[in-house]
PDB file of N, CA and C in Angstrom:
ATOM      1  N   MET A   1       6.076  42.432   1.903  1.00  0.00           N
ATOM      2  CA  MET A   1       5.431  41.498   0.293  1.00  0.00           C
ATOM      3  C   MET A   1       4.740  41.059   0.307  1.00  0.00           C
ATOM      4  N   ASP A   2       3.556  41.278  -0.633  1.00  0.00           N
ATOM      5  CA  ASP A   2       2.243  40.701  -0.766  1.00  0.00           C
ATOM      6  C   ASP A   2       2.824  39.286  -1.789  1.00  0.00           C
ATOM      7  N   PHE A   3       2.798  38.191  -1.637  1.00  0.00           N
ATOM      8  CA  PHE A   3       2.877  36.826  -2.137  1.00  0.00           C
ATOM      9  C   PHE A   3       2.211  36.891  -3.156  1.00  0.00           C
ATOM     10  N   SER A   4       0.476  36.566  -2.929  1.00  0.00           N
ATOM     11  CA  SER A   4      -0.314  36.853  -3.729  1.00  0.00           C
ATOM     12  C   SER A   4      -0.084  37.569  -5.013  1.00  0.00           C
ATOM     13  N   LYS A   5       0.434  38.186  -4.624  1.00  0.00           N
ATOM     14  CA  LYS A   5       1.192  39.264  -6.146  1.00  0.00           C
ATOM     15  C   LYS A   5       2.323  39.323  -7.614  1.00  0.00           C
ATOM     16  N   ILE A   6       2.796  37.648  -7.095  1.00  0.00           N
ATOM     17  CA  ILE A   6       3.895  37.794  -7.168  1.00  0.00           C
ATOM     18  C   ILE A   6       3.885  37.475  -8.065  1.00  0.00           C
ATOM     19  N   ARG A   7       4.692  37.260  -9.473  1.00  0.00           N
ATOM     20  CA  ARG A   7       4.180  36.572 -11.326  1.00  0.00           C
ATOM     21  C   ARG A   7       5.768  36.616 -11.763  1.00  0.00           C
ATOM     22  N   TYR A   8       5.451  35.968 -12.586  1.00  0.00           N
ATOM     23  CA  TYR A   8       6.912  35.149 -12.779  1.00  0.00           C
ATOM     24  C   TYR A   8       6.978  35.238 -14.431  1.00  0.00           C
ATOM     25  N   CYS A   9       7.761  35.588 -15.374  1.00  0.00           N
ATOM     26  CA  CYS A   9       8.091  35.931 -17.013  1.00  0.00           C
ATOM     27  C   CYS A   9       7.302  34.952 -17.314  1.00  0.00           C
ATOM     28  N   GLY A  10       6.820  35.339 -18.397  1.00  0.00           N
ATOM     29  CA  GLY A  10       6.341  34.117 -19.499  1.00  0.00           C
ATOM     30  C   GLY A  10       7.658  33.289 -20.149  1.00  0.00           C
ATOM     31  N   TYR A  11       8.596  34.249 -20.859  1.00  0.00           N
ATOM     32  CA  TYR A  11       9.389  33.758 -21.758  1.00  0.00           C
ATOM     33  C   TYR A  11      10.685  32.813 -20.497  1.00  0.00           C
ATOM     34  N   CYS A  12      11.465  33.926 -19.545  1.00  0.00           N
ATOM     35  CA  CYS A  12      12.347  33.335 -19.303  1.00  0.00           C
ATOM     36  C   CYS A  12      12.279  32.277 -17.494  1.00  0.00           C
ATOM     37  N   GLY A  13      10.951  32.765 -16.787  1.00  0.00           N
ATOM     38  CA  GLY A  13      10.580  32.445 -15.404  1.00  0.00           C
ATOM     39  C   GLY A  13      10.751  33.213 -14.853  1.00  0.00           C
ATOM     40  N   LYS A  14      11.947  33.941 -14.874  1.00  0.00           N
ATOM     41  CA  LYS A  14      12.423  34.987 -13.658  1.00  0.00           C
ATOM     42  C   LYS A  14      11.140  36.117 -12.868  1.00  0.00           C
ATOM     43  N   MET A  15      11.140  36.387 -11.325  1.00  0.00           N
ATOM     44  CA  MET A  15       9.844  37.161 -11.375  1.00  0.00           C
ATOM     45  C   MET A  15      10.309  38.585 -11.416  1.00  0.00           C
ATOM     46  N   ILE A  16       9.066  38.627 -12.529  1.00  0.00           N
ATOM     47  CA  ILE A  16       8.427  40.298 -12.457  1.00  0.00           C
ATOM     48  C   ILE A  16       8.787  41.006 -11.712  1.00  0.00           C
ATOM     49  N   PRO A  17       9.081  42.096 -11.587  1.00  0.00           N
ATOM     50  CA  PRO A  17       8.970  43.214 -10.505  1.00  0.00           C
ATOM     51  C   PRO A  17       7.974  43.785 -10.627  1.00  0.00           C
ATOM     52  N   VAL A  18       7.672  44.086  -8.862  1.00  0.00           N
ATOM     53  CA  VAL A  18       6.215  44.669  -8.207  1.00  0.00           C
ATOM     54  C   VAL A  18       5.981  46.020  -9.165  1.00  0.00           C
ATOM     55  N   THR A  19       7.566  46.589  -9.720  1.00  0.00           N
ATOM     56  CA  THR A  19       6.823  48.145 -10.754  1.00  0.00           C
ATOM     57  C   THR A  19       6.900  47.785 -11.925  1.00  0.00           C
ATOM     58  N   LYS A  20       6.682  46.700 -12.135  1.00  0.00           N
ATOM     59  CA  LYS A  20       6.122  46.815 -13.641  1.00  0.00           C
ATOM     60  C   LYS A  20       4.330  46.704 -13.850  1.00  0.00           C
ATOM     61  N   ASN A  21       3.881  46.795 -15.203  1.00  0.00           N
ATOM     62  CA  ASN A  21       2.995  47.019 -14.724  1.00  0.00           C
ATOM     63  C   ASN A  21       1.773  46.165 -14.433  1.00  0.00           C
ATOM     64  N   GLY A  22       0.479  45.585 -13.987  1.00  0.00           N
ATOM     65  CA  GLY A  22       0.730  44.584 -13.056  1.00  0.00           C
ATOM     66  C   GLY A  22      -0.101  44.119 -14.364  1.00  0.00           C
ATOM     67  N   ASN A  23       0.005  43.970 -15.570  1.00  0.00           N
ATOM     68  CA  ASN A  23      -0.819  43.416 -17.037  1.00  0.00           C
ATOM     69  C   ASN A  23       0.315  42.908 -17.756  1.00  0.00           C
ATOM     70  N   THR A  24       1.638  42.926 -17.144  1.00  0.00           N
ATOM     71  CA  THR A  24       2.629  42.799 -18.591  1.00  0.00           C
ATOM     72  C   THR A  24       3.041  41.074 -17.481  1.00  0.00           C
ATOM     73  N   LYS A  25       3.636  40.634 -18.915  1.00  0.00           N
ATOM     74  CA  LYS A  25       3.714  38.751 -18.239  1.00  0.00           C
ATOM     75  C   LYS A  25       5.237  38.811 -19.091  1.00  0.00           C
ATOM     76  N   TYR A  26       6.000  39.978 -19.186  1.00  0.00           N
ATOM     77  CA  TYR A  26       7.536  39.778 -18.941  1.00  0.00           C
ATOM     78  C   TYR A  26       8.358  40.548 -18.782  1.00  0.00           C
ATOM     79  N   CYS A  27       9.531  39.720 -17.494  1.00  0.00           N
ATOM     80  CA  CYS A  27      10.729  40.846 -16.572  1.00  0.00           C
ATOM     81  C   CYS A  27      10.626  41.568 -17.433  1.00  0.00           C
ATOM     82  N   ARG A  28      11.125  41.524 -18.413  1.00  0.00           N
ATOM     83  CA  ARG A  28      12.313  42.666 -19.395  1.00  0.00           C
ATOM     84  C   ARG A  28      11.868  42.601 -20.628  1.00  0.00           C
ATOM     85  N   THR A  29      12.039  43.850 -21.447  1.00  0.00           N
ATOM     86  CA  THR A  29      11.806  44.065 -23.000  1.00  0.00           C
ATOM     87  C   THR A  29      11.895  43.067 -23.572  1.00  0.00           C
ATOM     88  N   GLU A  30      13.571  42.525 -23.431  1.00  0.00           N
ATOM     89  CA  GLU A  30      13.850  41.261 -24.111  1.00  0.00           C
ATOM     90  C   GLU A  30      13.893  39.987 -24.516  1.00  0.00           C
ATOM     91  N   CYS A  31      13.218  40.064 -23.002  1.00  0.00           N
ATOM     92  CA  CYS A  31      11.819  38.291 -22.901  1.00  0.00           C
ATOM     93  C   CYS A  31      10.639  38.860 -24.247  1.00  0.00           C
ATOM     94  N   TYR A  32      10.170  40.509 -24.003  1.00  0.00           N
ATOM     95  CA  TYR A  32       9.138  40.363 -24.410  1.00  0.00           C
ATOM     96  C   TYR A  32       9.291  40.270 -25.907  1.00  0.00           C
ATOM     97  N   LYS A  33      10.744  40.564 -26.777  1.00  0.00           N
ATOM     98  CA  LYS A  33      10.865  40.300 -27.882  1.00  0.00           C
ATOM     99  C   LYS A  33      11.489  39.502 -28.179  1.00  0.00           C
ATOM    100  N   GLN A  34      11.820  38.589 -27.656  1.00  0.00           N
ATOM    101  CA  GLN A  34      12.834  37.507 -28.155  1.00  0.00           C
ATOM    102  C   GLN A  34      11.468  36.542 -27.946  1.00  0.00           C
ATOM    103  N   ASN A  35       9.937  36.687 -26.602  1.00  0.00           N
ATOM    104  CA  ASN A  35       9.072  35.546 -27.137  1.00  0.00           C
ATOM    105  C   ASN A  35       7.738  35.893 -28.245  1.00  0.00           C
ATOM    106  N   LYS A  36       8.243  37.232 -28.137  1.00  0.00           N
ATOM    107  CA  LYS A  36       7.463  37.491 -30.315  1.00  0.00           C
ATOM    108  C   LYS A  36       8.492  37.173 -31.194  1.00  0.00           C
ATOM    109  N   ALA A  37       9.233  37.312 -30.933  1.00  0.00           N
ATOM    110  CA  ALA A  37       9.953  36.959 -32.915  1.00  0.00           C
ATOM    111  C   ALA A  37       9.413  35.138 -32.702  1.00  0.00           C
ATOM    112  N   LYS A  38       9.556  34.402 -31.019  1.00  0.00           N
ATOM    113  CA  LYS A  38       9.564  32.822 -31.561  1.00  0.00           C
ATOM    114  C   LYS A  38       8.384  32.539 -32.468  1.00  0.00           C
ATOM    115  N   HIS A  39       6.814  33.371 -31.526  1.00  0.00           N
ATOM    116  CA  HIS A  39       6.553  33.462 -32.451  1.00  0.00           C
ATOM    117  C   HIS A  39       6.032  33.405 -33.589  1.00  0.00           C
ATOM    118  N   ALA A  40       6.911  34.327 -33.745  1.00  0.00           N
ATOM    119  CA  ALA A  40       5.944  35.309 -35.461  1.00  0.00           C
ATOM    120  C   ALA A  40       6.783  34.039 -36.812  1.00  0.00           C
ATOM    121  N   SER A  41       8.344  33.524 -35.930  1.00  0.00           N
ATOM    122  CA  SER A  41       7.859  32.775 -36.653  1.00  0.00           C
ATOM    123  C   SER A  41       7.737  31.205 -36.410  1.00  0.00           C
ATOM    124  N   ALA A  42       6.628  31.087 -35.785  1.00  0.00           N
ATOM    125  CA  ALA A  42       6.374  29.882 -36.379  1.00  0.00           C
ATOM    126  C   ALA A  42       4.855  29.982 -37.140  1.00  0.00           C
ATOM    127  N   PHE A  43       4.563  31.331 -36.825  1.00  0.00           N
ATOM    128  CA  PHE A  43       3.325  31.689 -37.949  1.00  0.00           C
ATOM    129  C   PHE A  43       3.313  31.269 -38.590  1.00  0.00           C
ATOM    130  N   SER A  44       5.038  31.989 -38.871  1.00  0.00           N
ATOM    131  CA  SER A  44       5.572  32.335 -40.372  1.00  0.00           C
ATOM    132  C   SER A  44       5.228  30.885 -40.528  1.00  0.00           C
ATOM    133  N   ARG A  45       5.716  30.201 -40.563  1.00  0.00           N
ATOM    134  CA  ARG A  45       5.922  29.098 -41.247  1.00  0.00           C
ATOM    135  C   ARG A  45       4.691  27.706 -40.981  1.00  0.00           C
ATOM    136  N   GLN A  46       3.996  28.171 -40.479  1.00  0.00           N
ATOM    137  CA  GLN A  46       2.672  27.622 -40.572  1.00  0.00           C
ATOM    138  C   GLN A  46       1.150  28.550 -41.638  1.00  0.00           C
ATOM    139  N   LYS A  47       2.275  29.435 -42.386  1.00  0.00           N
ATOM    140  CA  LYS A  47       1.450  30.319 -43.051  1.00  0.00           C
ATOM    141  C   LYS A  47       2.063  29.729 -44.182  1.00  0.00           C
ATOM    142  N   ALA A  48       2.887  29.627 -44.152  1.00  0.00           N
ATOM    143  CA  ALA A  48       3.385  29.018 -45.164  1.00  0.00           C
ATOM    144  C   ALA A  48       3.309  27.431 -45.916  1.00  0.00           C
ATOM    145  N   PHE A  49       3.443  26.818 -44.365  1.00  0.00           N
ATOM    146  CA  PHE A  49       2.319  25.226 -45.125  1.00  0.00           C
ATOM    147  C   PHE A  49       1.127  25.443 -45.365  1.00  0.00           C
ATOM    148  N   ASN A  50       0.209  26.154 -45.121  1.00  0.00           N
ATOM    149  CA  ASN A  50      -0.864  25.877 -45.626  1.00  0.00           C
ATOM    150  C   ASN A  50      -0.924  26.833 -47.110  1.00  0.00           C
ATOM    151  N   ALA A  51      -0.368  27.839 -47.533  1.00  0.00           N
ATOM    152  CA  ALA A  51      -0.229  27.841 -48.811  1.00  0.00           C
ATOM    153  C   ALA A  51      -0.156  26.318 -49.302  1.00  0.00           C
ATOM    154  N   GLY A  52       1.157  26.274 -49.287  1.00  0.00           N
ATOM    155  CA  GLY A  52       1.770  24.392 -49.622  1.00  0.00           C
ATOM    156  C   GLY A  52       0.814  23.975 -49.914  1.00  0.00           C
ATOM    157  N   LEU A  53      -0.277  23.686 -48.941  1.00  0.00           N
ATOM    158  CA  LEU A  53      -1.444  22.634 -48.733  1.00  0.00           C
ATOM    159  C   LEU A  53      -2.409  23.120 -49.826  1.00  0.00           C
ATOM    160  N   ILE A  54      -2.270  24.404 -49.745  1.00  0.00           N
ATOM    161  CA  ILE A  54      -3.162  25.072 -50.944  1.00  0.00           C
ATOM    162  C   ILE A  54      -2.387  24.793 -52.039  1.00  0.00           C
ATOM    163  N   ARG A  55      -1.571  24.933 -52.922  1.00  0.00           N
ATOM    164  CA  ARG A  55      -1.565  24.262 -53.563  1.00  0.00           C
ATOM    165  C   ARG A  55      -1.455  22.854 -54.195  1.00  0.00           C
ATOM    166  N   ASN A  56      -0.858  22.271 -52.757  1.00  0.00           N
ATOM    167  CA  ASN A  56      -0.755  21.040 -53.635  1.00  0.00           C
ATOM    168  C   ASN A  56      -2.749  20.342 -53.551  1.00  0.00           C
ATOM    169  N   ASP A  57      -3.243  20.768 -53.004  1.00  0.00           N
ATOM    170  CA  ASP A  57      -4.604  20.597 -53.356  1.00  0.00           C
ATOM    171  C   ASP A  57      -5.382  20.828 -54.607  1.00  0.00           C
ATOM    172  N   ASP A  58      -4.708  22.078 -54.991  1.00  0.00           N
ATOM    173  CA  ASP A  58      -5.459  22.317 -56.941  1.00  0.00           C
ATOM    174  C   ASP A  58      -4.699  21.510 -57.731  1.00  0.00           C
ATOM    175  N   LYS A  59      -3.781  20.867 -57.644  1.00  0.00           N
ATOM    176  CA  LYS A  59      -3.335  20.324 -57.507  1.00  0.00           C
ATOM    177  C   LYS A  59      -3.139  18.452 -58.302  1.00  0.00           C
ATOM    178  N   ALA A  60      -4.372  18.440 -57.168  1.00  0.00           N
ATOM    179  CA  ALA A  60      -4.779  17.289 -56.648  1.00  0.00           C
ATOM    180  C   ALA A  60      -6.285  17.621 -57.371  1.00  0.00           C
ATOM    181  N   ASP A  61      -6.497  18.636 -57.325  1.00  0.00           N
ATOM    182  CA  ASP A  61      -7.950  18.284 -58.136  1.00  0.00           C
ATOM    183  C   ASP A  61      -7.677  18.979 -59.334  1.00  0.00           C
ATOM    184  N   LEU A  62      -7.235  20.048 -60.499  1.00  0.00           N
ATOM    185  CA  LEU A  62      -6.493  19.758 -61.855  1.00  0.00           C
ATOM    186  C   LEU A  62      -6.346  18.361 -62.525  1.00  0.00           C
ATOM    187  N   LEU A  63      -6.252  17.459 -61.301  1.00  0.00           N
ATOM    188  CA  LEU A  63      -5.257  16.352 -62.220  1.00  0.00           C
ATOM    189  C   LEU A  63      -7.111  15.819 -61.634  1.00  0.00           C
ATOM    190  N   PHE A  64      -7.243  15.454 -60.758  1.00  0.00           N
ATOM    191  CA  PHE A  64      -9.032  14.425 -60.742  1.00  0.00           C
ATOM    192  C   PHE A  64      -9.428  15.132 -61.725  1.00  0.00           C
ATOM    193  N   SER A  65      -9.926  16.432 -61.754  1.00  0.00           N
ATOM    194  CA  SER A  65     -11.020  16.244 -62.963  1.00  0.00           C
ATOM    195  C   SER A  65     -10.783  15.963 -64.390  1.00  0.00           C
ATOM    196  N   VAL A  66      -9.534  15.642 -64.170  1.00  0.00           N
ATOM    197  CA  VAL A  66      -9.014  15.018 -66.355  1.00  0.00           C
ATOM    198  C   VAL A  66      -9.238  13.790 -65.739  1.00  0.00           C
ATOM    199  N   PHE A  67      -8.945  13.351 -64.981  1.00  0.00           N
ATOM    200  CA  PHE A  67      -8.923  11.754 -64.773  1.00  0.00           C
ATOM    201  C   PHE A  67      -9.601  10.778 -64.345  1.00  0.00           C
ATOM    202  N   GLY A  68     -10.740  11.374 -63.261  1.00  0.00           N
ATOM    203  CA  GLY A  68     -10.984  10.630 -62.336  1.00  0.00           C
ATOM    204  C   GLY A  68     -10.904  10.333 -61.273  1.00  0.00           C
ATOM    205  N   GLU A  69     -11.640   9.499 -60.801  1.00  0.00           N
ATOM    206  CA  GLU A  69     -12.189   8.484 -59.732  1.00  0.00           C
ATOM    207  C   GLU A  69     -10.922   7.195 -60.209  1.00  0.00           C
ATOM    208  N   ASN A  70     -10.614   6.792 -59.183  1.00  0.00           N
ATOM    209  CA  ASN A  70      -9.458   5.823 -59.425  1.00  0.00           C
ATOM    210  C   ASN A  70      -8.602   4.836 -60.413  1.00  0.00           C
ATOM    211  N   CYS A  71      -8.310   6.687 -60.674  1.00  0.00           N
ATOM    212  CA  CYS A  71      -7.457   5.775 -62.225  1.00  0.00           C
ATOM    213  C   CYS A  71      -5.782   6.467 -61.556  1.00  0.00           C
ATOM    214  N   TYR A  72      -5.133   5.179 -62.298  1.00  0.00           N
ATOM    215  CA  TYR A  72      -3.614   5.259 -61.940  1.00  0.00           C
ATOM    216  C   TYR A  72      -3.641   6.417 -62.835  1.00  0.00           C
ATOM    217  N   ILE A  73      -1.827   7.370 -62.652  1.00  0.00           N
ATOM    218  CA  ILE A  73      -1.766   8.097 -63.368  1.00  0.00           C
ATOM    219  C   ILE A  73      -0.204   9.193 -62.893  1.00  0.00           C
ATOM    220  N   SER A  74       0.798   8.897 -63.812  1.00  0.00           N
ATOM    221  CA  SER A  74       2.091   8.219 -63.438  1.00  0.00           C
ATOM    222  C   SER A  74       2.939   9.895 -62.362  1.00  0.00           C
ATOM    223  N   ALA A  75       3.255   9.738 -61.775  1.00  0.00           N
ATOM    224  CA  ALA A  75       3.996  10.509 -60.464  1.00  0.00           C
ATOM    225  C   ALA A  75       4.803  12.278 -61.245  1.00  0.00           C
ATOM    226  N   ARG A  76       4.912  11.314 -62.840  1.00  0.00           N
ATOM    227  CA  ARG A  76       5.266  12.391 -63.403  1.00  0.00           C
ATOM    228  C   ARG A  76       4.519  14.074 -63.195  1.00  0.00           C
ATOM    229  N   LEU A  77       3.024  13.383 -63.706  1.00  0.00           N
ATOM    230  CA  LEU A  77       2.750  14.282 -63.999  1.00  0.00           C
ATOM    231  C   LEU A  77       2.582  15.338 -62.183  1.00  0.00           C
ATOM    232  N   LEU A  78       2.406  15.128 -61.307  1.00  0.00           N
ATOM    233  CA  LEU A  78       3.008  15.701 -60.446  1.00  0.00           C
ATOM    234  C   LEU A  78       3.898  16.518 -60.565  1.00  0.00           C
ATOM    235  N   ILE A  79       5.034  15.719 -60.420  1.00  0.00           N
ATOM    236  CA  ILE A  79       6.295  16.725 -59.998  1.00  0.00           C
ATOM    237  C   ILE A  79       6.700  17.444 -61.415  1.00  0.00           C
ATOM    238  N   ASN A  80       5.882  17.167 -62.625  1.00  0.00           N
ATOM    239  CA  ASN A  80       6.299  18.840 -63.216  1.00  0.00           C
ATOM    240  C   ASN A  80       5.906  19.258 -62.633  1.00  0.00           C
ATOM    241  N   GLN A  81       4.547  18.893 -62.714  1.00  0.00           N
ATOM    242  CA  GLN A  81       3.873  20.268 -61.560  1.00  0.00           C
ATOM    243  C   GLN A  81       4.213  21.228 -60.194  1.00  0.00           C
ATOM    244  N   GLU A  82       5.464  20.112 -59.761  1.00  0.00           N
ATOM    245  CA  GLU A  82       5.989  21.016 -58.395  1.00  0.00           C
ATOM    246  C   GLU A  82       5.350  20.259 -57.557  1.00  0.00           C
ATOM    247  N   PHE A  83       5.015  19.177 -57.121  1.00  0.00           N
ATOM    248  CA  PHE A  83       3.963  19.183 -56.386  1.00  0.00           C
ATOM    249  C   PHE A  83       5.055  18.531 -54.968  1.00  0.00           C
ATOM    250  N   ASP A  84       4.262  19.236 -54.085  1.00  0.00           N
ATOM    251  CA  ASP A  84       5.214  18.428 -53.022  1.00  0.00           C
ATOM    252  C   ASP A  84       4.569  17.814 -51.872  1.00  0.00           C
ATOM    253  N   TRP A  85       5.563  16.414 -52.087  1.00  0.00           N
ATOM    254  CA  TRP A  85       5.759  15.328 -51.618  1.00  0.00           C
ATOM    255  C   TRP A  85       4.917  15.626 -49.619  1.00  0.00           C
ATOM    256  N   ASN A  86       5.995  16.114 -48.985  1.00  0.00           N
ATOM    257  CA  ASN A  86       5.644  16.361 -48.156  1.00  0.00           C
ATOM    258  C   ASN A  86       4.791  17.324 -47.053  1.00  0.00           C
ATOM    259  N   ILE A  87       4.124  18.307 -48.366  1.00  0.00           N
ATOM    260  CA  ILE A  87       3.036  18.764 -47.074  1.00  0.00           C
ATOM    261  C   ILE A  87       1.843  18.119 -47.561  1.00  0.00           C
ATOM    262  N   HIS A  88       1.488  17.365 -46.819  1.00  0.00           N
ATOM    263  CA  HIS A  88       0.265  16.563 -46.262  1.00  0.00           C
ATOM    264  C   HIS A  88      -0.389  16.916 -44.655  1.00  0.00           C
ATOM    265  N   THR A  89      -1.826  16.433 -44.657  1.00  0.00           N
ATOM    266  CA  THR A  89      -2.442  16.464 -42.625  1.00  0.00           C
ATOM    267  C   THR A  89      -1.517  15.797 -43.018  1.00  0.00           C
ATOM    268  N   GLY A  90      -2.218  15.000 -43.632  1.00  0.00           N
ATOM    269  CA  GLY A  90      -1.776  13.311 -42.243  1.00  0.00           C
ATOM    270  C   GLY A  90      -2.425  11.992 -42.987  1.00  0.00           C
ATOM    271  N   GLU A  91      -2.676  10.995 -42.809  1.00  0.00           N
ATOM    272  CA  GLU A  91      -2.847   9.843 -43.484  1.00  0.00           C
ATOM    273  C   GLU A  91      -4.258   9.412 -42.616  1.00  0.00           C
ATOM    274  N   THR A  92      -4.558   8.207 -44.157  1.00  0.00           N
ATOM    275  CA  THR A  92      -6.103   7.527 -43.597  1.00  0.00           C
ATOM    276  C   THR A  92      -6.277   6.464 -44.559  1.00  0.00           C
ATOM    277  N   MET A  93      -6.879   5.619 -43.921  1.00  0.00           N
ATOM    278  CA  MET A  93      -6.863   4.569 -44.692  1.00  0.00           C
ATOM    279  C   MET A  93      -8.124   4.763 -46.548  1.00  0.00           C
ATOM    280  N   ILE A  94      -8.033   4.403 -47.458  1.00  0.00           N
ATOM    281  CA  ILE A  94      -8.966   4.650 -48.684  1.00  0.00           C
ATOM    282  C   ILE A  94      -8.176   3.020 -49.034  1.00  0.00           C
ATOM    283  N   ASN A  95     -10.014   2.429 -49.315  1.00  0.00           N
ATOM    284  CA  ASN A  95      -9.252   0.893 -50.181  1.00  0.00           C
ATOM    285  C   ASN A  95      -8.413   0.121 -50.232  1.00  0.00           C
ATOM    286  N   ASN A  96      -8.088  -0.045 -49.060  1.00  0.00           N
ATOM    287  CA  ASN A  96      -6.750  -0.442 -48.372  1.00  0.00           C
ATOM    288  C   ASN A  96      -4.799  -0.355 -48.461  1.00  0.00           C
ATOM    289  N   ASN A  97      -5.736   0.496 -48.597  1.00  0.00           N
ATOM    290  CA  ASN A  97      -4.170   1.863 -48.850  1.00  0.00           C
ATOM    291  C   ASN A  97      -4.379   3.187 -48.073  1.00  0.00           C
ATOM    292  N   ILE A  98      -3.040   3.458 -47.543  1.00  0.00           N
ATOM    293  CA  ILE A  98      -2.853   4.598 -47.222  1.00  0.00           C
ATOM    294  C   ILE A  98      -2.786   5.749 -47.859  1.00  0.00           C
ATOM    295  N   ALA A  99      -3.499   6.230 -47.667  1.00  0.00           N
ATOM    296  CA  ALA A  99      -2.941   7.661 -48.254  1.00  0.00           C
ATOM    297  C   ALA A  99      -2.993   8.568 -48.004  1.00  0.00           C
ATOM    298  N   LYS A 100      -2.116  10.427 -48.335  1.00  0.00           N
ATOM    299  CA  LYS A 100      -1.855  11.397 -47.767  1.00  0.00           C
ATOM    300  C   LYS A 100      -2.626  12.339 -47.836  1.00  0.00           C
ATOM    301  N   LYS A 101      -3.486  12.577 -46.827  1.00  0.00           N
ATOM    302  CA  LYS A 101      -4.675  13.509 -46.946  1.00  0.00           C
ATOM    303  C   LYS A 101      -3.981  14.972 -47.385  1.00  0.00           C
ATOM    304  N   LEU A 102      -4.668  16.132 -47.873  1.00  0.00           N
ATOM    305  CA  LEU A 102      -4.399  17.178 -48.388  1.00  0.00           C
ATOM    306  C   LEU A 102      -6.015  18.167 -47.585  1.00  0.00           C
ATOM    307  N   ILE A 103      -7.307  19.149 -48.520  1.00  0.00           N
ATOM    308  CA  ILE A 103      -8.278  19.495 -48.024  1.00  0.00           C
ATOM    309  C   ILE A 103      -9.480  18.377 -48.247  1.00  0.00           C
ATOM    310  N   ARG A 104      -8.723  19.033 -49.879  1.00  0.00           N
ATOM    311  CA  ARG A 104     -10.629  18.587 -50.474  1.00  0.00           C
ATOM    312  C   ARG A 104      -9.997  17.215 -50.835  1.00  0.00           C
ATOM    313  N   TYR A 105      -8.694  16.379 -51.091  1.00  0.00           N
ATOM    314  CA  TYR A 105      -8.552  15.341 -51.177  1.00  0.00           C
ATOM    315  C   TYR A 105      -6.892  14.843 -50.208  1.00  0.00           C
ATOM    316  N   ALA A 106      -6.898  13.593 -51.758  1.00  0.00           N
ATOM    317  CA  ALA A 106      -6.206  12.737 -50.954  1.00  0.00           C
ATOM    318  C   ALA A 106      -5.275  11.780 -52.085  1.00  0.00           C
ATOM    319  N   TYR A 107      -4.447  11.285 -51.388  1.00  0.00           N
ATOM    320  CA  TYR A 107      -3.652  10.672 -53.175  1.00  0.00           C
ATOM    321  C   TYR A 107      -2.373   9.376 -52.441  1.00  0.00           C
ATOM    322  N   THR A 108      -2.842   8.687 -53.059  1.00  0.00           N
ATOM    323  CA  THR A 108      -1.541   6.996 -52.925  1.00  0.00           C
ATOM    324  C   THR A 108      -0.253   7.251 -53.687  1.00  0.00           C
ATOM    325  N   LEU A 109       0.341   7.066 -52.837  1.00  0.00           N
ATOM    326  CA  LEU A 109       1.595   6.220 -54.317  1.00  0.00           C
ATOM    327  C   LEU A 109       2.656   5.397 -54.196  1.00  0.00           C
ATOM    328  N   PHE A 110       2.518   4.966 -54.959  1.00  0.00           N
ATOM    329  CA  PHE A 110       3.210   3.345 -55.989  1.00  0.00           C
ATOM    330  C   PHE A 110       4.177   3.096 -55.535  1.00  0.00           C
ATOM    331  N   LYS A 111       4.868   2.000 -55.169  1.00  0.00           N
ATOM    332  CA  LYS A 111       5.865   1.614 -55.569  1.00  0.00           C
ATOM    333  C   LYS A 111       6.275   2.258 -56.864  1.00  0.00           C
ATOM    334  N   ASN A 112       5.708   1.990 -57.266  1.00  0.00           N
ATOM    335  CA  ASN A 112       5.784   1.717 -58.683  1.00  0.00           C
ATOM    336  C   ASN A 112       5.930   3.243 -59.899  1.00  0.00           C
ATOM    337  N   GLN A 113       5.724   3.958 -59.055  1.00  0.00           N
ATOM    338  CA  GLN A 113       6.127   6.104 -59.304  1.00  0.00           C
ATOM    339  C   GLN A 113       3.904   5.797 -60.191  1.00  0.00           C
ATOM    340  N   THR A 114       2.795   5.829 -59.841  1.00  0.00           N
ATOM    341  CA  THR A 114       1.842   5.842 -59.977  1.00  0.00           C
ATOM    342  C   THR A 114       1.258   6.629 -58.750  1.00  0.00           C
ATOM    343  N   VAL A 115      -0.008   7.260 -59.397  1.00  0.00           N
ATOM    344  CA  VAL A 115      -0.550   7.969 -57.902  1.00  0.00           C
ATOM    345  C   VAL A 115      -2.070   7.766 -57.930  1.00  0.00           C
ATOM    346  N   ILE A 116      -3.142   7.522 -57.352  1.00  0.00           N
ATOM    347  CA  ILE A 116      -4.703   7.383 -57.364  1.00  0.00           C
ATOM    348  C   ILE A 116      -4.490   8.464 -56.301  1.00  0.00           C
ATOM    349  N   ILE A 117      -5.556   9.704 -56.933  1.00  0.00           N
ATOM    350  CA  ILE A 117      -5.793  10.421 -56.402  1.00  0.00           C
ATOM    351  C   ILE A 117      -7.084  10.574 -55.762  1.00  0.00           C
ATOM    352  N   TRP A 118      -7.812  10.133 -54.519  1.00  0.00           N
ATOM    353  CA  TRP A 118      -9.817  10.478 -53.761  1.00  0.00           C
ATOM    354  C   TRP A 118      -9.651  11.927 -53.092  1.00  0.00           C
ATOM    355  N   LYS A 119     -11.028  11.684 -53.399  1.00  0.00           N
ATOM    356  CA  LYS A 119     -11.767  13.263 -52.904  1.00  0.00           C
ATOM    357  C   LYS A 119     -12.282  12.701 -52.306  1.00  0.00           C
ATOM    358  N   LEU A 120     -12.223  12.958 -51.505  1.00  0.00           N
ATOM    359  CA  LEU A 120     -12.029  13.377 -49.597  1.00  0.00           C
ATOM    360  C   LEU A 120     -13.750  13.512 -49.985  1.00  0.00           C
TER     361      LEU A 120
END
């Protein structure tokens, strides 16, 4: 047996039979299908997150164009537009406030249920 040609399954870690095509990365069809399903699910979640991020950014754009910069607005305006507070790309500091980043905008939600929208 040529030990330089031993290959291991990319899903389960078992040895790939030497009878399999040299380009295959999986020992069985089941491993291939399981790996494909796992990656499809992750891709679907990422696609949904990106769509939500775009929707949130568009809602922030609309309010920013109406109220402008450094204006405190009621969080109710975003709630009424079904703004998803859990979708953002991270946090940053703007004027000593922690702001949640979207795409073109960021926002700070204060304890008194007011929001400032910042243009990035």
